[in-house]
């Protein structure tokens, strides 16, 4: 009984201001931790020498850019996730003088999150621990957040290579949403893709 009273008095001695500071600190800790990790990854990406080129499909310009980029980085494999039709993609790379044995085309991804989740284990099994990440500049922030989480969970470093478009960056909300989906995949193996489509359909109804 005496111990309970003493404990209650100690709690009363903590001022509301101090309690607010403690609460604020506890809320900011995850943000600070993420910022430090993200900052470290940015520094790390400047020094890494990628072992593969990883291209996000969705726009023809990305493969055209990747083909020219691959000319300057001979020998390393190229992975394109859900890009142009196979016949066209191969034509783009072979026209640029890229050997077909370097080209890996995969069409399992449905969106940016699954661009990474469908290939991360394959890249790891191939011994690839770092990649050049190629996508449009307005799409890079979201792609990089996902890549740092999904690829980072398998020890694969990401070095971004942006394609200039002149477009404004995507809303940060998209990066936050897909970052949360990436964390969900790392912890549960579920990408949240079906949930995303359900929400989208509800909005359209």
C-alpha atoms as a PDB file:
ATOM      1  CA  UNK A   1       0.000   0.000   0.000  1.00  0.00           C
ATOM      2  CA  UNK A   2       2.793   2.423   0.982  1.00  0.00           C
ATOM      3  CA  UNK A   3       4.682   1.570  -2.220  1.00  0.00           C
ATOM      4  CA  UNK A   4       1.584   2.311  -4.295  1.00  0.00           C
ATOM      5  CA  UNK A   5       1.118   5.714  -2.629  1.00  0.00           C
ATOM      6  CA  UNK A   6       4.808   6.572  -3.140  1.00  0.00           C
ATOM      7  CA  UNK A   7       4.595   5.623  -6.799  1.00  0.00           C
ATOM      8  CA  UNK A   8       1.486   7.774  -7.228  1.00  0.00           C
ATOM      9  CA  UNK A   9       3.241  10.754  -5.616  1.00  0.00           C
ATOM     10  CA  UNK A  10       6.260  10.358  -7.909  1.00  0.00           C
ATOM     11  CA  UNK A  11       3.951  10.511 -10.918  1.00  0.00           C
ATOM     12  CA  UNK A  12       2.357  13.672  -9.547  1.00  0.00           C
ATOM     13  CA  UNK A  13       5.803  15.282  -9.243  1.00  0.00           C
ATOM     14  CA  UNK A  14       6.303  14.979 -13.041  1.00  0.00           C
ATOM     15  CA  UNK A  15       5.034  18.236 -14.503  1.00  0.00           C
ATOM     16  CA  UNK A  16       2.635  18.282 -17.495  1.00  0.00           C
ATOM     17  CA  UNK A  17       5.346  20.056 -19.512  1.00  0.00           C
ATOM     18  CA  UNK A  18       7.825  17.273 -18.868  1.00  0.00           C
ATOM     19  CA  UNK A  19       5.230  14.640 -19.718  1.00  0.00           C
ATOM     20  CA  UNK A  20       4.553  16.436 -23.002  1.00  0.00           C
ATOM     21  CA  UNK A  21       8.262  16.500 -23.804  1.00  0.00           C
ATOM     22  CA  UNK A  22       8.600  12.790 -23.075  1.00  0.00           C
ATOM     23  CA  UNK A  23       5.573  12.030 -25.255  1.00  0.00           C
ATOM     24  CA  UNK A  24       6.919  14.199 -28.088  1.00  0.00           C
ATOM     25  CA  UNK A  25      10.344  12.537 -27.854  1.00  0.00           C
ATOM     26  CA  UNK A  26       8.783   9.068 -28.046  1.00  0.00           C
ATOM     27  CA  UNK A  27       6.860  10.103 -31.165  1.00  0.00           C
ATOM     28  CA  UNK A  28       9.916  11.640 -32.825  1.00  0.00           C
ATOM     29  CA  UNK A  29      12.239   8.715 -32.149  1.00  0.00           C
ATOM     30  CA  UNK A  30      11.008   6.542 -35.080  1.00  0.00           C
ATOM     31  CA  UNK A  31      11.210   9.548 -37.423  1.00  0.00           C
ATOM     32  CA  UNK A  32      14.738  10.348 -36.242  1.00  0.00           C
ATOM     33  CA  UNK A  33      15.813   6.719 -36.591  1.00  0.00           C
ATOM     34  CA  UNK A  34      14.439   6.545 -40.135  1.00  0.00           C
ATOM     35  CA  UNK A  35      16.142   9.858 -41.039  1.00  0.00           C
ATOM     36  CA  UNK A  36      19.508   8.601 -39.777  1.00  0.00           C
ATOM     37  CA  UNK A  37      19.185   5.315 -41.646  1.00  0.00           C
ATOM     38  CA  UNK A  38      18.043   7.063 -44.836  1.00  0.00           C
ATOM     39  CA  UNK A  39      20.884   9.564 -44.549  1.00  0.00           C
ATOM     40  CA  UNK A  40      23.377   6.728 -44.115  1.00  0.00           C
ATOM     41  CA  UNK A  41      21.963   4.978 -47.185  1.00  0.00           C
ATOM     42  CA  UNK A  42      22.366   8.165 -49.230  1.00  0.00           C
ATOM     43  CA  UNK A  43      26.030   8.408 -48.260  1.00  0.00           C
ATOM     44  CA  UNK A  44      26.536   4.680 -48.860  1.00  0.00           C
ATOM     45  CA  UNK A  45      25.077   4.909 -52.374  1.00  0.00           C
ATOM     46  CA  UNK A  46      27.811   7.363 -53.414  1.00  0.00           C
ATOM     47  CA  UNK A  47      30.554   4.811 -52.742  1.00  0.00           C
ATOM     48  CA  UNK A  48      28.914   1.563 -53.847  1.00  0.00           C
ATOM     49  CA  UNK A  49      29.883  -0.030 -57.172  1.00  0.00           C
ATOM     50  CA  UNK A  50      26.685  -1.745 -58.385  1.00  0.00           C
ATOM     51  CA  UNK A  51      26.749  -5.239 -59.812  1.00  0.00           C
ATOM     52  CA  UNK A  52      23.537  -4.895 -61.838  1.00  0.00           C
ATOM     53  CA  UNK A  53      21.233  -2.391 -63.523  1.00  0.00           C
ATOM     54  CA  UNK A  54      17.655  -2.463 -62.244  1.00  0.00           C
ATOM     55  CA  UNK A  55      15.074  -0.700 -64.426  1.00  0.00           C
ATOM     56  CA  UNK A  56      11.509   0.026 -63.372  1.00  0.00           C
ATOM     57  CA  UNK A  57       9.054  -0.432 -66.234  1.00  0.00           C
ATOM     58  CA  UNK A  58       6.185   1.889 -66.947  1.00  0.00           C
ATOM     59  CA  UNK A  59       7.595   4.255 -69.550  1.00  0.00           C
ATOM     60  CA  UNK A  60       9.413   3.553 -72.796  1.00  0.00           C
ATOM     61  CA  UNK A  61      12.016   6.235 -71.999  1.00  0.00           C
ATOM     62  CA  UNK A  62      13.316   4.193 -69.086  1.00  0.00           C
ATOM     63  CA  UNK A  63      14.422   1.302 -71.290  1.00  0.00           C
ATOM     64  CA  UNK A  64      15.855   3.636 -73.921  1.00  0.00           C
ATOM     65  CA  UNK A  65      17.838   5.430 -71.200  1.00  0.00           C
ATOM     66  CA  UNK A  66      18.905   2.111 -69.624  1.00  0.00           C
ATOM     67  CA  UNK A  67      20.221   0.836 -72.958  1.00  0.00           C
ATOM     68  CA  UNK A  68      22.515   3.871 -73.319  1.00  0.00           C
ATOM     69  CA  UNK A  69      23.499   3.604 -69.651  1.00  0.00           C
ATOM     70  CA  UNK A  70      24.363  -0.081 -70.121  1.00  0.00           C
ATOM     71  CA  UNK A  71      26.760   0.833 -72.938  1.00  0.00           C
ATOM     72  CA  UNK A  72      28.834   2.777 -70.394  1.00  0.00           C
ATOM     73  CA  UNK A  73      28.701  -0.061 -67.849  1.00  0.00           C
ATOM     74  CA  UNK A  74      29.644  -3.192 -69.808  1.00  0.00           C
ATOM     75  CA  UNK A  75      29.543  -6.649 -68.317  1.00  0.00           C
ATOM     76  CA  UNK A  76      26.925  -6.196 -65.608  1.00  0.00           C
ATOM     77  CA  UNK A  77      23.442  -7.738 -66.019  1.00  0.00           C
ATOM     78  CA  UNK A  78      20.323  -5.688 -66.688  1.00  0.00           C
ATOM     79  CA  UNK A  79      17.004  -6.430 -65.016  1.00  0.00           C
ATOM     80  CA  UNK A  80      13.819  -4.793 -66.293  1.00  0.00           C
ATOM     81  CA  UNK A  81      10.709  -5.184 -64.135  1.00  0.00           C
ATOM     82  CA  UNK A  82       7.367  -5.122 -65.982  1.00  0.00           C
ATOM     83  CA  UNK A  83       8.480  -2.876 -68.806  1.00  0.00           C
ATOM     84  CA  UNK A  84       7.674  -2.837 -72.525  1.00  0.00           C
ATOM     85  CA  UNK A  85       6.614  -6.025 -74.352  1.00  0.00           C
ATOM     86  CA  UNK A  86       9.447  -8.537 -74.607  1.00  0.00           C
ATOM     87  CA  UNK A  87       9.984  -8.185 -78.350  1.00  0.00           C
ATOM     88  CA  UNK A  88      10.260  -4.400 -78.107  1.00  0.00           C
ATOM     89  CA  UNK A  89      12.461  -4.334 -74.993  1.00  0.00           C
ATOM     90  CA  UNK A  90      14.918  -6.793 -76.534  1.00  0.00           C
ATOM     91  CA  UNK A  91      14.984  -4.739 -79.711  1.00  0.00           C
ATOM     92  CA  UNK A  92      15.836  -1.569 -77.745  1.00  0.00           C
ATOM     93  CA  UNK A  93      18.794  -3.205 -76.017  1.00  0.00           C
ATOM     94  CA  UNK A  94      20.144  -5.169 -78.987  1.00  0.00           C
ATOM     95  CA  UNK A  95      19.935  -2.049 -81.153  1.00  0.00           C
ATOM     96  CA  UNK A  96      22.175  -0.368 -78.567  1.00  0.00           C
ATOM     97  CA  UNK A  97      24.659  -3.232 -78.920  1.00  0.00           C
ATOM     98  CA  UNK A  98      23.807  -4.889 -75.595  1.00  0.00           C
ATOM     99  CA  UNK A  99      24.329  -8.666 -75.552  1.00  0.00           C
ATOM    100  CA  UNK A 100      21.105 -10.606 -75.019  1.00  0.00           C
ATOM    101  CA  UNK A 101      22.719 -12.676 -72.249  1.00  0.00           C
ATOM    102  CA  UNK A 102      22.910  -9.496 -70.140  1.00  0.00           C
ATOM    103  CA  UNK A 103      19.166  -8.797 -70.453  1.00  0.00           C
ATOM    104  CA  UNK A 104      16.664 -10.149 -67.929  1.00  0.00           C
ATOM    105  CA  UNK A 105      13.009  -9.236 -68.476  1.00  0.00           C
ATOM    106  CA  UNK A 106      10.464  -9.960 -65.763  1.00  0.00           C
ATOM    107  CA  UNK A 107       6.718  -9.280 -65.921  1.00  0.00           C
ATOM    108  CA  UNK A 108       5.402 -10.394 -62.529  1.00  0.00           C
ATOM    109  CA  UNK A 109       5.191  -6.919 -60.945  1.00  0.00           C
ATOM    110  CA  UNK A 110       1.892  -5.033 -60.811  1.00  0.00           C
ATOM    111  CA  UNK A 111       3.129  -1.761 -59.336  1.00  0.00           C
ATOM    112  CA  UNK A 112       6.211  -0.061 -57.892  1.00  0.00           C
ATOM    113  CA  UNK A 113       6.234  -2.044 -54.642  1.00  0.00           C
ATOM    114  CA  UNK A 114       6.028  -5.378 -56.465  1.00  0.00           C
ATOM    115  CA  UNK A 115       8.743  -4.227 -58.898  1.00  0.00           C
ATOM    116  CA  UNK A 116      11.049  -4.807 -55.945  1.00  0.00           C
ATOM    117  CA  UNK A 117       9.370  -7.640 -54.023  1.00  0.00           C
ATOM    118  CA  UNK A 118       9.060  -9.965 -57.038  1.00  0.00           C
ATOM    119  CA  UNK A 119      12.782  -9.817 -57.864  1.00  0.00           C
ATOM    120  CA  UNK A 120      14.650  -9.198 -54.618  1.00  0.00           C
ATOM    121  CA  UNK A 121      15.134 -12.890 -53.794  1.00  0.00           C
ATOM    122  CA  UNK A 122      16.219 -13.666 -57.357  1.00  0.00           C
ATOM    123  CA  UNK A 123      18.831 -10.901 -57.277  1.00  0.00           C
ATOM    124  CA  UNK A 124      20.079 -12.112 -53.905  1.00  0.00           C
ATOM    125  CA  UNK A 125      20.377 -15.687 -55.204  1.00  0.00           C
ATOM    126  CA  UNK A 126      22.464 -14.355 -58.111  1.00  0.00           C
ATOM    127  CA  UNK A 127      24.898 -12.829 -55.619  1.00  0.00           C
ATOM    128  CA  UNK A 128      23.931  -9.243 -56.473  1.00  0.00           C
ATOM    129  CA  UNK A 129      24.430  -6.973 -53.459  1.00  0.00           C
ATOM    130  CA  UNK A 130      24.083  -3.586 -55.180  1.00  0.00           C
ATOM    131  CA  UNK A 131      22.187  -2.139 -58.139  1.00  0.00           C
ATOM    132  CA  UNK A 132      21.829   0.988 -60.222  1.00  0.00           C
ATOM    133  CA  UNK A 133      18.163   1.934 -59.830  1.00  0.00           C
ATOM    134  CA  UNK A 134      16.856   3.537 -63.019  1.00  0.00           C
ATOM    135  CA  UNK A 135      13.520   5.345 -63.181  1.00  0.00           C
ATOM    136  CA  UNK A 136      12.060   8.777 -63.992  1.00  0.00           C
ATOM    137  CA  UNK A 137      13.117  11.650 -61.724  1.00  0.00           C
ATOM    138  CA  UNK A 138       9.545  12.363 -60.574  1.00  0.00           C
ATOM    139  CA  UNK A 139       9.177   8.697 -59.573  1.00  0.00           C
ATOM    140  CA  UNK A 140      12.565   8.263 -57.900  1.00  0.00           C
ATOM    141  CA  UNK A 141      11.699   9.370 -54.361  1.00  0.00           C
ATOM    142  CA  UNK A 142       8.994   6.709 -54.011  1.00  0.00           C
ATOM    143  CA  UNK A 143      11.063   4.066 -55.806  1.00  0.00           C
ATOM    144  CA  UNK A 144      14.063   4.730 -53.610  1.00  0.00           C
ATOM    145  CA  UNK A 145      12.094   4.555 -50.354  1.00  0.00           C
ATOM    146  CA  UNK A 146      10.713   1.164 -51.395  1.00  0.00           C
ATOM    147  CA  UNK A 147      14.088  -0.019 -52.660  1.00  0.00           C
ATOM    148  CA  UNK A 148      15.925   0.930 -49.490  1.00  0.00           C
ATOM    149  CA  UNK A 149      13.407  -1.072 -47.452  1.00  0.00           C
ATOM    150  CA  UNK A 150      12.817  -4.130 -49.666  1.00  0.00           C
ATOM    151  CA  UNK A 151      16.284  -4.518 -51.206  1.00  0.00           C
ATOM    152  CA  UNK A 152      17.910  -3.325 -47.987  1.00  0.00           C
ATOM    153  CA  UNK A 153      16.208  -6.182 -46.124  1.00  0.00           C
ATOM    154  CA  UNK A 154      18.291  -8.563 -48.259  1.00  0.00           C
ATOM    155  CA  UNK A 155      21.513  -6.571 -48.041  1.00  0.00           C
ATOM    156  CA  UNK A 156      21.219  -5.083 -51.537  1.00  0.00           C
ATOM    157  CA  UNK A 157      22.372  -1.464 -51.811  1.00  0.00           C
ATOM    158  CA  UNK A 158      20.648   0.969 -54.181  1.00  0.00           C
ATOM    159  CA  UNK A 159      22.352   3.663 -56.267  1.00  0.00           C
ATOM    160  CA  UNK A 160      19.741   5.917 -57.927  1.00  0.00           C
ATOM    161  CA  UNK A 161      20.061   7.042 -61.536  1.00  0.00           C
ATOM    162  CA  UNK A 162      17.329   9.524 -62.468  1.00  0.00           C
ATOM    163  CA  UNK A 163      15.943  10.132 -65.949  1.00  0.00           C
ATOM    164  CA  UNK A 164      15.187  13.857 -66.398  1.00  0.00           C
ATOM    165  CA  UNK A 165      11.551  14.504 -67.350  1.00  0.00           C
ATOM    166  CA  UNK A 166      10.847  18.110 -66.390  1.00  0.00           C
ATOM    167  CA  UNK A 167       7.832  16.920 -64.399  1.00  0.00           C
ATOM    168  CA  UNK A 168       7.107  17.805 -60.771  1.00  0.00           C
ATOM    169  CA  UNK A 169       7.892  15.127 -58.171  1.00  0.00           C
ATOM    170  CA  UNK A 170       5.070  12.822 -57.130  1.00  0.00           C
ATOM    171  CA  UNK A 171       3.176  13.751 -53.933  1.00  0.00           C
ATOM    172  CA  UNK A 172       5.114  12.636 -50.868  1.00  0.00           C
ATOM    173  CA  UNK A 173       1.997  10.788 -49.702  1.00  0.00           C
ATOM    174  CA  UNK A 174       2.673   8.146 -52.359  1.00  0.00           C
ATOM    175  CA  UNK A 175       6.170   7.546 -50.986  1.00  0.00           C
ATOM    176  CA  UNK A 176       4.794   7.281 -47.441  1.00  0.00           C
ATOM    177  CA  UNK A 177       2.013   4.891 -48.506  1.00  0.00           C
ATOM    178  CA  UNK A 178       4.302   2.599 -50.491  1.00  0.00           C
ATOM    179  CA  UNK A 179       7.014   2.818 -47.846  1.00  0.00           C
ATOM    180  CA  UNK A 180       4.458   1.466 -45.367  1.00  0.00           C
ATOM    181  CA  UNK A 181       3.558  -1.306 -47.826  1.00  0.00           C
ATOM    182  CA  UNK A 182       7.247  -2.172 -48.189  1.00  0.00           C
ATOM    183  CA  UNK A 183       7.618  -2.446 -44.407  1.00  0.00           C
ATOM    184  CA  UNK A 184       4.480  -4.614 -44.349  1.00  0.00           C
ATOM    185  CA  UNK A 185       6.081  -6.936 -46.918  1.00  0.00           C
ATOM    186  CA  UNK A 186       9.341  -7.191 -44.963  1.00  0.00           C
ATOM    187  CA  UNK A 187       7.464  -8.083 -41.763  1.00  0.00           C
ATOM    188  CA  UNK A 188       4.644 -10.250 -43.147  1.00  0.00           C
ATOM    189  CA  UNK A 189       5.388 -11.115 -46.790  1.00  0.00           C
ATOM    190  CA  UNK A 190       2.193  -9.310 -47.821  1.00  0.00           C
ATOM    191  CA  UNK A 191       2.548  -6.355 -50.236  1.00  0.00           C
ATOM    192  CA  UNK A 192      -0.848  -4.769 -49.625  1.00  0.00           C
ATOM    193  CA  UNK A 193      -1.482  -4.672 -53.400  1.00  0.00           C
ATOM    194  CA  UNK A 194      -5.020  -6.067 -53.124  1.00  0.00           C
ATOM    195  CA  UNK A 195      -5.812  -3.568 -50.385  1.00  0.00           C
ATOM    196  CA  UNK A 196      -4.578  -0.721 -52.588  1.00  0.00           C
ATOM    197  CA  UNK A 197      -6.832  -1.813 -55.437  1.00  0.00           C
ATOM    198  CA  UNK A 198      -9.811  -2.151 -53.079  1.00  0.00           C
ATOM    199  CA  UNK A 199      -9.349   1.406 -51.803  1.00  0.00           C
ATOM    200  CA  UNK A 200      -8.965   2.679 -55.381  1.00  0.00           C
ATOM    201  CA  UNK A 201     -12.167   0.908 -56.487  1.00  0.00           C
ATOM    202  CA  UNK A 202     -14.115   2.271 -53.521  1.00  0.00           C
ATOM    203  CA  UNK A 203     -13.088   5.815 -54.460  1.00  0.00           C
ATOM    204  CA  UNK A 204     -14.219   5.258 -58.045  1.00  0.00           C
ATOM    205  CA  UNK A 205     -17.659   3.978 -57.046  1.00  0.00           C
END
